[in-house]
PDB file of N, CA and C in Angstrom:
ATOM      1  N   MET A   1     113.309 116.336  89.744  1.00  0.00           N
ATOM      2  CA  MET A   1     112.015 115.419  89.597  1.00  0.00           C
ATOM      3  C   MET A   1     111.506 114.668  90.310  1.00  0.00           C
ATOM      4  N   ARG A   2     112.309 113.763  91.352  1.00  0.00           N
ATOM      5  CA  ARG A   2     111.593 112.561  92.144  1.00  0.00           C
ATOM      6  C   ARG A   2     111.775 113.505  93.273  1.00  0.00           C
ATOM      7  N   ASP A   3     112.414 114.656  93.678  1.00  0.00           N
ATOM      8  CA  ASP A   3     111.707 115.287  95.263  1.00  0.00           C
ATOM      9  C   ASP A   3     110.681 115.635  94.745  1.00  0.00           C
ATOM     10  N   SER A   4     110.112 116.522  93.622  1.00  0.00           N
ATOM     11  CA  SER A   4     108.854 117.189  93.314  1.00  0.00           C
ATOM     12  C   SER A   4     107.993 115.932  93.449  1.00  0.00           C
ATOM     13  N   LYS A   5     107.892 114.531  92.967  1.00  0.00           N
ATOM     14  CA  LYS A   5     107.106 114.147  93.227  1.00  0.00           C
ATOM     15  C   LYS A   5     106.712 113.309  94.820  1.00  0.00           C
ATOM     16  N   ASP A   6     108.216 113.579  95.512  1.00  0.00           N
ATOM     17  CA  ASP A   6     108.136 112.921  96.765  1.00  0.00           C
ATOM     18  C   ASP A   6     107.464 114.352  97.578  1.00  0.00           C
ATOM     19  N   LEU A   7     107.644 115.299  97.481  1.00  0.00           N
ATOM     20  CA  LEU A   7     106.752 116.771  97.901  1.00  0.00           C
ATOM     21  C   LEU A   7     104.777 116.380  98.223  1.00  0.00           C
ATOM     22  N   ILE A   8     104.797 116.166  96.405  1.00  0.00           N
ATOM     23  CA  ILE A   8     103.323 116.147  96.355  1.00  0.00           C
ATOM     24  C   ILE A   8     102.988 115.120  96.974  1.00  0.00           C
ATOM     25  N   LYS A   9     103.288 113.725  97.383  1.00  0.00           N
ATOM     26  CA  LYS A   9     102.897 112.101  97.828  1.00  0.00           C
ATOM     27  C   LYS A   9     102.905 112.790  99.603  1.00  0.00           C
ATOM     28  N   ALA A  10     103.754 113.660  99.769  1.00  0.00           N
ATOM     29  CA  ALA A  10     103.882 114.044 101.736  1.00  0.00           C
ATOM     30  C   ALA A  10     102.894 115.060 101.687  1.00  0.00           C
ATOM     31  N   ILE A  11     102.450 116.070 100.734  1.00  0.00           N
ATOM     32  CA  ILE A  11     101.456 116.868 100.843  1.00  0.00           C
ATOM     33  C   ILE A  11      99.988 116.369 101.088  1.00  0.00           C
ATOM     34  N   LYS A  12      99.863 115.289  99.712  1.00  0.00           N
ATOM     35  CA  LYS A  12      98.731 114.848 100.184  1.00  0.00           C
ATOM     36  C   LYS A  12      98.599 113.860 100.862  1.00  0.00           C
ATOM     37  N   ARG A  13      99.406 113.134 101.426  1.00  0.00           N
ATOM     38  CA  ARG A  13      99.540 112.413 102.712  1.00  0.00           C
ATOM     39  C   ARG A  13      98.824 113.259 103.913  1.00  0.00           C
ATOM     40  N   ALA A  14      99.690 114.528 104.365  1.00  0.00           N
ATOM     41  CA  ALA A  14      99.311 115.542 105.187  1.00  0.00           C
ATOM     42  C   ALA A  14      97.638 115.684 105.458  1.00  0.00           C
ATOM     43  N   ALA A  15      97.304 116.001 103.457  1.00  0.00           N
ATOM     44  CA  ALA A  15      95.846 115.825 104.003  1.00  0.00           C
ATOM     45  C   ALA A  15      94.854 115.347 104.164  1.00  0.00           C
ATOM     46  N   THR A  16      95.312 114.149 103.580  1.00  0.00           N
ATOM     47  CA  THR A  16      94.223 112.919 104.001  1.00  0.00           C
ATOM     48  C   THR A  16      94.198 113.178 105.666  1.00  0.00           C
ATOM     49  N   GLU A  17      95.671 112.841 106.153  1.00  0.00           N
ATOM     50  CA  GLU A  17      95.570 112.810 107.852  1.00  0.00           C
ATOM     51  C   GLU A  17      94.605 113.897 108.556  1.00  0.00           C
ATOM     52  N   ALA A  18      95.074 115.159 108.082  1.00  0.00           N
ATOM     53  CA  ALA A  18      94.464 116.137 108.866  1.00  0.00           C
ATOM     54  C   ALA A  18      92.705 116.564 108.595  1.00  0.00           C
ATOM     55  N   VAL A  19      92.427 115.815 107.216  1.00  0.00           N
ATOM     56  CA  VAL A  19      90.768 115.463 107.058  1.00  0.00           C
ATOM     57  C   VAL A  19      90.209 114.343 108.062  1.00  0.00           C
ATOM     58  N   GLU A  20      90.805 113.126 108.055  1.00  0.00           N
ATOM     59  CA  GLU A  20      90.786 112.027 109.232  1.00  0.00           C
ATOM     60  C   GLU A  20      90.959 112.373 110.707  1.00  0.00           C
ATOM     61  N   ALA A  21      92.008 113.686 111.132  1.00  0.00           N
ATOM     62  CA  ALA A  21      91.704 113.973 112.209  1.00  0.00           C
ATOM     63  C   ALA A  21      90.727 114.804 112.836  1.00  0.00           C
ATOM     64  N   SER A  22      89.789 115.541 111.780  1.00  0.00           N
ATOM     65  CA  SER A  22      89.140 116.487 111.740  1.00  0.00           C
ATOM     66  C   SER A  22      87.770 115.835 112.683  1.00  0.00           C
ATOM     67  N   LYS A  23      87.546 114.047 111.665  1.00  0.00           N
ATOM     68  CA  LYS A  23      86.517 113.042 111.810  1.00  0.00           C
ATOM     69  C   LYS A  23      86.444 113.419 113.705  1.00  0.00           C
ATOM     70  N   PRO A  24      85.118 113.539 114.163  1.00  0.00           N
ATOM     71  CA  PRO A  24      85.333 113.571 116.004  1.00  0.00           C
ATOM     72  C   PRO A  24      84.927 111.398 116.251  1.00  0.00           C
ATOM     73  N   VAL A  25      84.367 111.315 115.590  1.00  0.00           N
ATOM     74  CA  VAL A  25      83.969 109.516 115.685  1.00  0.00           C
ATOM     75  C   VAL A  25      84.241 109.450 114.233  1.00  0.00           C
ATOM     76  N   ALA A  26      84.414 107.665 114.174  1.00  0.00           N
ATOM     77  CA  ALA A  26      84.353 106.687 113.180  1.00  0.00           C
ATOM     78  C   ALA A  26      83.690 105.726 114.011  1.00  0.00           C
ATOM     79  N   ILE A  27      82.851 104.686 112.877  1.00  0.00           N
ATOM     80  CA  ILE A  27      82.043 103.846 113.108  1.00  0.00           C
ATOM     81  C   ILE A  27      82.669 102.789 112.777  1.00  0.00           C
ATOM     82  N   CYS A  28      83.123 101.398 113.860  1.00  0.00           N
ATOM     83  CA  CYS A  28      84.151 100.129 113.553  1.00  0.00           C
ATOM     84  C   CYS A  28      82.660  99.206 113.712  1.00  0.00           C
ATOM     85  N   PHE A  29      83.524  97.850 113.217  1.00  0.00           N
ATOM     86  CA  PHE A  29      83.462  96.606 113.793  1.00  0.00           C
ATOM     87  C   PHE A  29      84.413  95.651 114.267  1.00  0.00           C
ATOM     88  N   GLY A  30      83.608  95.012 115.383  1.00  0.00           N
ATOM     89  CA  GLY A  30      84.261  93.868 116.218  1.00  0.00           C
ATOM     90  C   GLY A  30      84.164  92.894 116.816  1.00  0.00           C
ATOM     91  N   LYS A  31      85.450  92.135 116.965  1.00  0.00           N
ATOM     92  CA  LYS A  31      84.766  90.601 117.393  1.00  0.00           C
ATOM     93  C   LYS A  31      85.373  90.386 118.859  1.00  0.00           C
ATOM     94  N   VAL A  32      84.697  90.109 120.070  1.00  0.00           N
ATOM     95  CA  VAL A  32      84.873  90.427 121.234  1.00  0.00           C
ATOM     96  C   VAL A  32      85.717  88.637 121.562  1.00  0.00           C
ATOM     97  N   THR A  33      87.133  89.072 121.503  1.00  0.00           N
ATOM     98  CA  THR A  33      88.301  87.874 121.891  1.00  0.00           C
ATOM     99  C   THR A  33      88.493  87.455 123.209  1.00  0.00           C
ATOM    100  N   SER A  34      87.734  88.355 124.094  1.00  0.00           N
ATOM    101  CA  SER A  34      87.519  87.847 125.558  1.00  0.00           C
ATOM    102  C   SER A  34      86.484  88.758 126.304  1.00  0.00           C
ATOM    103  N   ALA A  35      86.177  88.142 127.412  1.00  0.00           N
ATOM    104  CA  ALA A  35      84.641  88.887 128.290  1.00  0.00           C
ATOM    105  C   ALA A  35      85.431  89.115 129.016  1.00  0.00           C
ATOM    106  N   ASN A  36      86.453  88.647 129.960  1.00  0.00           N
ATOM    107  CA  ASN A  36      86.992  89.215 131.002  1.00  0.00           C
ATOM    108  C   ASN A  36      88.060  88.951 131.238  1.00  0.00           C
ATOM    109  N   PRO A  37      89.090  90.061 130.981  1.00  0.00           N
ATOM    110  CA  PRO A  37      88.921  91.066 130.718  1.00  0.00           C
ATOM    111  C   PRO A  37      88.589  91.382 129.555  1.00  0.00           C
ATOM    112  N   LEU A  38      87.724  92.325 128.920  1.00  0.00           N
ATOM    113  CA  LEU A  38      86.928  92.240 128.110  1.00  0.00           C
ATOM    114  C   LEU A  38      88.228  92.836 126.910  1.00  0.00           C
ATOM    115  N   ASN A  39      88.261  92.274 125.808  1.00  0.00           N
ATOM    116  CA  ASN A  39      89.161  92.304 124.777  1.00  0.00           C
ATOM    117  C   ASN A  39      88.541  92.210 123.197  1.00  0.00           C
ATOM    118  N   ILE A  40      88.913  93.208 122.535  1.00  0.00           N
ATOM    119  CA  ILE A  40      87.730  93.309 121.199  1.00  0.00           C
ATOM    120  C   ILE A  40      88.927  93.118 119.861  1.00  0.00           C
ATOM    121  N   LEU A  41      88.257  92.579 119.301  1.00  0.00           N
ATOM    122  CA  LEU A  41      89.704  92.536 117.841  1.00  0.00           C
ATOM    123  C   LEU A  41      88.757  93.622 116.479  1.00  0.00           C
ATOM    124  N   VAL A  42      89.004  94.802 116.503  1.00  0.00           N
ATOM    125  CA  VAL A  42      88.503  96.076 115.788  1.00  0.00           C
ATOM    126  C   VAL A  42      89.089  95.587 114.582  1.00  0.00           C
ATOM    127  N   ASP A  43      88.167  95.693 113.389  1.00  0.00           N
ATOM    128  CA  ASP A  43      88.297  95.627 112.059  1.00  0.00           C
ATOM    129  C   ASP A  43      89.182  94.581 111.604  1.00  0.00           C
ATOM    130  N   GLN A  44      89.009  93.592 111.962  1.00  0.00           N
ATOM    131  CA  GLN A  44      90.005  92.318 111.927  1.00  0.00           C
ATOM    132  C   GLN A  44      91.731  92.325 111.976  1.00  0.00           C
ATOM    133  N   LYS A  45      91.899  93.546 112.610  1.00  0.00           N
ATOM    134  CA  LYS A  45      93.477  93.737 112.848  1.00  0.00           C
ATOM    135  C   LYS A  45      94.019  94.692 114.024  1.00  0.00           C
ATOM    136  N   LEU A  46      93.087  95.212 115.087  1.00  0.00           N
ATOM    137  CA  LEU A  46      93.280  95.570 115.678  1.00  0.00           C
ATOM    138  C   LEU A  46      93.212  95.674 117.235  1.00  0.00           C
ATOM    139  N   PRO A  47      93.674  95.118 118.180  1.00  0.00           N
ATOM    140  CA  PRO A  47      93.003  94.333 118.968  1.00  0.00           C
ATOM    141  C   PRO A  47      93.528  95.376 120.268  1.00  0.00           C
ATOM    142  N   ILE A  48      92.002  95.778 121.168  1.00  0.00           N
ATOM    143  CA  ILE A  48      91.885  97.041 122.195  1.00  0.00           C
ATOM    144  C   ILE A  48      91.214  95.793 123.364  1.00  0.00           C
ATOM    145  N   THR A  49      92.118  96.617 124.759  1.00  0.00           N
ATOM    146  CA  THR A  49      91.837  96.233 125.613  1.00  0.00           C
ATOM    147  C   THR A  49      90.878  97.163 126.169  1.00  0.00           C
ATOM    148  N   ALA A  50      90.677  96.706 127.388  1.00  0.00           N
ATOM    149  CA  ALA A  50      89.545  97.391 128.941  1.00  0.00           C
ATOM    150  C   ALA A  50      89.742  98.449 128.792  1.00  0.00           C
ATOM    151  N   LYS A  51      90.920  98.560 129.191  1.00  0.00           N
ATOM    152  CA  LYS A  51      91.247 100.445 128.684  1.00  0.00           C
ATOM    153  C   LYS A  51      90.796 101.241 128.183  1.00  0.00           C
ATOM    154  N   GLN A  52      90.606 100.938 127.023  1.00  0.00           N
ATOM    155  CA  GLN A  52      90.746 101.502 125.639  1.00  0.00           C
ATOM    156  C   GLN A  52      88.810 101.385 125.405  1.00  0.00           C
ATOM    157  N   ILE A  53      87.678 100.584 126.272  1.00  0.00           N
ATOM    158  CA  ILE A  53      86.630 100.596 126.039  1.00  0.00           C
ATOM    159  C   ILE A  53      85.958 100.818 126.618  1.00  0.00           C
ATOM    160  N   VAL A  54      84.575 101.600 126.512  1.00  0.00           N
ATOM    161  CA  VAL A  54      83.478 102.172 127.286  1.00  0.00           C
ATOM    162  C   VAL A  54      82.400 101.448 126.771  1.00  0.00           C
ATOM    163  N   THR A  55      81.734 100.960 127.347  1.00  0.00           N
ATOM    164  CA  THR A  55      80.439  99.725 127.385  1.00  0.00           C
ATOM    165  C   THR A  55      79.117 100.381 127.581  1.00  0.00           C
ATOM    166  N   THR A  56      78.177 100.205 126.872  1.00  0.00           N
ATOM    167  CA  THR A  56      76.824 101.121 127.063  1.00  0.00           C
ATOM    168  C   THR A  56      76.186 100.249 127.409  1.00  0.00           C
ATOM    169  N   ARG A  57      74.808 100.461 128.232  1.00  0.00           N
ATOM    170  CA  ARG A  57      73.808  99.408 128.762  1.00  0.00           C
ATOM    171  C   ARG A  57      73.356  98.266 128.030  1.00  0.00           C
ATOM    172  N   ASN A  58      73.940  98.660 126.581  1.00  0.00           N
ATOM    173  CA  ASN A  58      73.182  97.603 125.382  1.00  0.00           C
ATOM    174  C   ASN A  58      74.193  96.235 125.622  1.00  0.00           C
ATOM    175  N   VAL A  59      75.229  96.610 125.867  1.00  0.00           N
ATOM    176  CA  VAL A  59      76.316  95.163 126.524  1.00  0.00           C
ATOM    177  C   VAL A  59      76.452  94.926 127.480  1.00  0.00           C
ATOM    178  N   THR A  60      76.077  95.199 128.636  1.00  0.00           N
ATOM    179  CA  THR A  60      76.540  94.856 130.307  1.00  0.00           C
ATOM    180  C   THR A  60      75.379  94.435 130.697  1.00  0.00           C
ATOM    181  N   ASP A  61      75.355  93.788 131.801  1.00  0.00           N
ATOM    182  CA  ASP A  61      74.239  93.000 132.837  1.00  0.00           C
ATOM    183  C   ASP A  61      73.981  94.338 134.067  1.00  0.00           C
ATOM    184  N   TYR A  62      72.728  94.183 134.119  1.00  0.00           N
ATOM    185  CA  TYR A  62      72.414  95.263 135.078  1.00  0.00           C
ATOM    186  C   TYR A  62      70.876  94.863 135.492  1.00  0.00           C
ATOM    187  N   GLU A  63      70.860  95.857 136.490  1.00  0.00           N
ATOM    188  CA  GLU A  63      69.541  95.520 137.427  1.00  0.00           C
ATOM    189  C   GLU A  63      68.312  96.719 137.120  1.00  0.00           C
ATOM    190  N   THR A  64      66.958  95.746 137.374  1.00  0.00           N
ATOM    191  CA  THR A  64      66.535  97.195 136.794  1.00  0.00           C
ATOM    192  C   THR A  64      65.065  96.377 137.756  1.00  0.00           C
ATOM    193  N   ASP A  65      64.194  97.628 138.406  1.00  0.00           N
ATOM    194  CA  ASP A  65      62.626  97.205 139.116  1.00  0.00           C
ATOM    195  C   ASP A  65      61.820  97.028 137.946  1.00  0.00           C
ATOM    196  N   THR A  66      60.702  96.169 138.905  1.00  0.00           N
ATOM    197  CA  THR A  66      59.815  96.064 137.670  1.00  0.00           C
ATOM    198  C   THR A  66      58.698  96.369 138.685  1.00  0.00           C
ATOM    199  N   SER A  67      57.406  96.803 138.405  1.00  0.00           N
ATOM    200  CA  SER A  67      56.738  97.194 139.509  1.00  0.00           C
ATOM    201  C   SER A  67      55.397  95.961 139.039  1.00  0.00           C
ATOM    202  N   ASN A  68      54.825  95.842 140.296  1.00  0.00           N
ATOM    203  CA  ASN A  68      53.669  94.578 139.936  1.00  0.00           C
ATOM    204  C   ASN A  68      52.202  95.370 140.219  1.00  0.00           C
ATOM    205  N   ARG A  69      51.895  94.889 139.009  1.00  0.00           N
ATOM    206  CA  ARG A  69      50.518  96.088 138.539  1.00  0.00           C
ATOM    207  C   ARG A  69      49.491  95.548 139.485  1.00  0.00           C
ATOM    208  N   GLU A  70      49.607  94.057 139.836  1.00  0.00           N
ATOM    209  CA  GLU A  70      48.364  93.303 140.604  1.00  0.00           C
ATOM    210  C   GLU A  70      48.484  93.839 142.491  1.00  0.00           C
ATOM    211  N   ARG A  71      49.506  94.453 142.536  1.00  0.00           N
ATOM    212  CA  ARG A  71      49.831  94.810 143.758  1.00  0.00           C
ATOM    213  C   ARG A  71      50.347  96.263 143.841  1.00  0.00           C
ATOM    214  N   ALA A  72      49.773  96.846 144.244  1.00  0.00           N
ATOM    215  CA  ALA A  72      50.470  98.477 143.937  1.00  0.00           C
ATOM    216  C   ALA A  72      51.317  98.544 144.870  1.00  0.00           C
ATOM    217  N   GLY A  73      52.913  99.685 143.997  1.00  0.00           N
ATOM    218  CA  GLY A  73      53.641  99.852 145.048  1.00  0.00           C
ATOM    219  C   GLY A  73      54.686  98.283 145.005  1.00  0.00           C
ATOM    220  N   GLU A  74      54.556  97.354 144.495  1.00  0.00           N
ATOM    221  CA  GLU A  74      55.570  96.006 144.862  1.00  0.00           C
ATOM    222  C   GLU A  74      56.252  96.206 143.846  1.00  0.00           C
ATOM    223  N   LYS A  75      57.394  95.986 144.064  1.00  0.00           N
ATOM    224  CA  LYS A  75      59.037  95.880 143.035  1.00  0.00           C
ATOM    225  C   LYS A  75      59.208  94.883 142.953  1.00  0.00           C
ATOM    226  N   THR A  76      59.687  94.556 141.993  1.00  0.00           N
ATOM    227  CA  THR A  76      60.590  93.266 142.015  1.00  0.00           C
ATOM    228  C   THR A  76      62.218  93.509 141.023  1.00  0.00           C
ATOM    229  N   GLY A  77      63.168  93.006 141.733  1.00  0.00           N
ATOM    230  CA  GLY A  77      64.076  93.327 140.693  1.00  0.00           C
ATOM    231  C   GLY A  77      64.747  92.462 139.714  1.00  0.00           C
ATOM    232  N   VAL A  78      64.507  92.799 138.910  1.00  0.00           N
ATOM    233  CA  VAL A  78      65.119  91.644 138.146  1.00  0.00           C
ATOM    234  C   VAL A  78      66.554  92.133 136.993  1.00  0.00           C
ATOM    235  N   THR A  79      67.345  90.885 136.751  1.00  0.00           N
ATOM    236  CA  THR A  79      68.207  91.139 135.974  1.00  0.00           C
ATOM    237  C   THR A  79      68.802  90.959 134.622  1.00  0.00           C
ATOM    238  N   ILE A  80      69.099  91.936 133.951  1.00  0.00           N
ATOM    239  CA  ILE A  80      68.953  92.053 132.252  1.00  0.00           C
ATOM    240  C   ILE A  80      70.421  91.347 132.006  1.00  0.00           C
ATOM    241  N   HIS A  81      70.730  90.235 131.509  1.00  0.00           N
ATOM    242  CA  HIS A  81      71.424  89.712 131.232  1.00  0.00           C
ATOM    243  C   HIS A  81      71.973  89.891 129.270  1.00  0.00           C
ATOM    244  N   ASN A  82      73.186  90.773 129.589  1.00  0.00           N
ATOM    245  CA  ASN A  82      73.562  91.567 128.134  1.00  0.00           C
ATOM    246  C   ASN A  82      75.024  91.180 128.112  1.00  0.00           C
ATOM    247  N   GLN A  83      75.880  91.122 129.169  1.00  0.00           N
ATOM    248  CA  GLN A  83      77.327  91.355 129.042  1.00  0.00           C
ATOM    249  C   GLN A  83      77.706  90.237 127.728  1.00  0.00           C
ATOM    250  N   LEU A  84      78.857  90.924 127.338  1.00  0.00           N
ATOM    251  CA  LEU A  84      79.402  90.444 126.108  1.00  0.00           C
ATOM    252  C   LEU A  84      80.169  89.259 126.143  1.00  0.00           C
ATOM    253  N   ALA A  85      79.924  88.062 125.535  1.00  0.00           N
ATOM    254  CA  ALA A  85      80.699  86.936 125.557  1.00  0.00           C
ATOM    255  C   ALA A  85      81.869  87.094 123.913  1.00  0.00           C
ATOM    256  N   ALA A  86      82.859  85.996 124.207  1.00  0.00           N
ATOM    257  CA  ALA A  86      83.675  85.936 123.252  1.00  0.00           C
ATOM    258  C   ALA A  86      82.737  85.402 122.171  1.00  0.00           C
ATOM    259  N   GLY A  87      83.403  85.587 121.314  1.00  0.00           N
ATOM    260  CA  GLY A  87      82.985  85.296 119.935  1.00  0.00           C
ATOM    261  C   GLY A  87      81.879  86.611 119.251  1.00  0.00           C
ATOM    262  N   ASP A  88      81.097  87.583 120.534  1.00  0.00           N
ATOM    263  CA  ASP A  88      80.132  88.156 119.700  1.00  0.00           C
ATOM    264  C   ASP A  88      80.820  89.006 118.965  1.00  0.00           C
ATOM    265  N   GLU A  89      80.168  89.805 117.755  1.00  0.00           N
ATOM    266  CA  GLU A  89      80.575  90.621 116.905  1.00  0.00           C
ATOM    267  C   GLU A  89      79.892  92.385 117.337  1.00  0.00           C
ATOM    268  N   VAL A  90      80.373  93.510 117.189  1.00  0.00           N
ATOM    269  CA  VAL A  90      79.789  94.229 117.668  1.00  0.00           C
ATOM    270  C   VAL A  90      80.171  95.480 117.140  1.00  0.00           C
ATOM    271  N   ILE A  91      79.336  96.667 117.022  1.00  0.00           N
ATOM    272  CA  ILE A  91      79.424  97.777 116.491  1.00  0.00           C
ATOM    273  C   ILE A  91      80.154  98.815 117.808  1.00  0.00           C
ATOM    274  N   LEU A  92      80.729  99.789 117.207  1.00  0.00           N
ATOM    275  CA  LEU A  92      81.815 100.400 117.796  1.00  0.00           C
ATOM    276  C   LEU A  92      81.926 101.791 117.371  1.00  0.00           C
ATOM    277  N   LEU A  93      82.178 102.969 117.921  1.00  0.00           N
ATOM    278  CA  LEU A  93      82.543 104.045 117.494  1.00  0.00           C
ATOM    279  C   LEU A  93      83.446 104.653 118.134  1.00  0.00           C
ATOM    280  N   ARG A  94      84.441 104.618 117.358  1.00  0.00           N
ATOM    281  CA  ARG A  94      85.977 105.531 117.715  1.00  0.00           C
ATOM    282  C   ARG A  94      86.094 106.495 118.008  1.00  0.00           C
ATOM    283  N   GLN A  95      86.556 106.929 118.992  1.00  0.00           N
ATOM    284  CA  GLN A  95      86.437 108.454 119.237  1.00  0.00           C
ATOM    285  C   GLN A  95      87.787 108.891 118.425  1.00  0.00           C
ATOM    286  N   GLN A  96      87.831 110.437 118.336  1.00  0.00           N
ATOM    287  CA  GLN A  96      89.329 110.573 117.497  1.00  0.00           C
ATOM    288  C   GLN A  96      90.079 110.340 117.769  1.00  0.00           C
ATOM    289  N   GLY A  97      91.245 110.282 117.238  1.00  0.00           N
ATOM    290  CA  GLY A  97      92.678 109.516 117.707  1.00  0.00           C
ATOM    291  C   GLY A  97      92.674 108.045 118.056  1.00  0.00           C
ATOM    292  N   GLY A  98      91.812 107.483 118.416  1.00  0.00           N
ATOM    293  CA  GLY A  98      91.741 106.454 118.311  1.00  0.00           C
ATOM    294  C   GLY A  98      91.877 104.895 119.501  1.00  0.00           C
ATOM    295  N   GLN A  99      92.177 106.289 120.683  1.00  0.00           N
ATOM    296  CA  GLN A  99      92.690 105.795 121.743  1.00  0.00           C
ATOM    297  C   GLN A  99      91.092 104.945 122.301  1.00  0.00           C
ATOM    298  N   ARG A 100      89.645 105.726 122.038  1.00  0.00           N
ATOM    299  CA  ARG A 100      89.233 105.144 122.909  1.00  0.00           C
ATOM    300  C   ARG A 100      88.030 104.665 122.144  1.00  0.00           C
ATOM    301  N   TYR A 101      87.038 103.712 122.096  1.00  0.00           N
ATOM    302  CA  TYR A 101      85.835 102.752 121.714  1.00  0.00           C
ATOM    303  C   TYR A 101      85.206 102.800 122.543  1.00  0.00           C
ATOM    304  N   VAL A 102      83.122 103.292 121.872  1.00  0.00           N
ATOM    305  CA  VAL A 102      82.179 103.044 122.719  1.00  0.00           C
ATOM    306  C   VAL A 102      81.600 101.709 121.773  1.00  0.00           C
ATOM    307  N   VAL A 103      81.104 100.500 122.553  1.00  0.00           N
ATOM    308  CA  VAL A 103      80.969  99.400 121.952  1.00  0.00           C
ATOM    309  C   VAL A 103      79.445  99.791 122.237  1.00  0.00           C
ATOM    310  N   LEU A 104      78.494 100.245 120.793  1.00  0.00           N
ATOM    311  CA  LEU A 104      77.120 100.299 120.998  1.00  0.00           C
ATOM    312  C   LEU A 104      76.309  99.038 120.995  1.00  0.00           C
ATOM    313  N   GLU A 105      76.675  98.250 120.461  1.00  0.00           N
ATOM    314  CA  GLU A 105      75.886  97.110 120.555  1.00  0.00           C
ATOM    315  C   GLU A 105      76.051  95.896 119.806  1.00  0.00           C
ATOM    316  N   ARG A 106      75.834  94.723 119.898  1.00  0.00           N
ATOM    317  CA  ARG A 106      76.080  93.634 119.180  1.00  0.00           C
ATOM    318  C   ARG A 106      75.477  93.218 117.683  1.00  0.00           C
ATOM    319  N   ILE A 107      76.081  93.021 117.048  1.00  0.00           N
ATOM    320  CA  ILE A 107      75.417  92.401 115.438  1.00  0.00           C
ATOM    321  C   ILE A 107      74.867  91.131 115.678  1.00  0.00           C
ATOM    322  N   GLY A 108      73.582  91.110 115.146  1.00  0.00           N
ATOM    323  CA  GLY A 108      72.731  90.159 114.922  1.00  0.00           C
ATOM    324  C   GLY A 108      72.175  89.584 116.098  1.00  0.00           C
TER     325      GLY A 108
END
């Protein structure tokens, strides 16, 4: 009797894992624990490092050119300061298998 219960549990676990593995991405939440190098604590339990993190423009510093409307053709470089800082809470997409995370945006 015990063997059949163990078998049923194993089958249920395998089915659950198969369903999870078929999902290409999952939404996660995290908190930046270090900005340089970038480290994030995902769902308050899983630390991830810069090697596992892909950042978007929404969470990095970048430069852009703006056109000066008063002087045709004149462009001015502007730096947008979006880099993450320790303590920032973020929304992430976890790629299938949980090896890479894309940081989409800050929360709040």
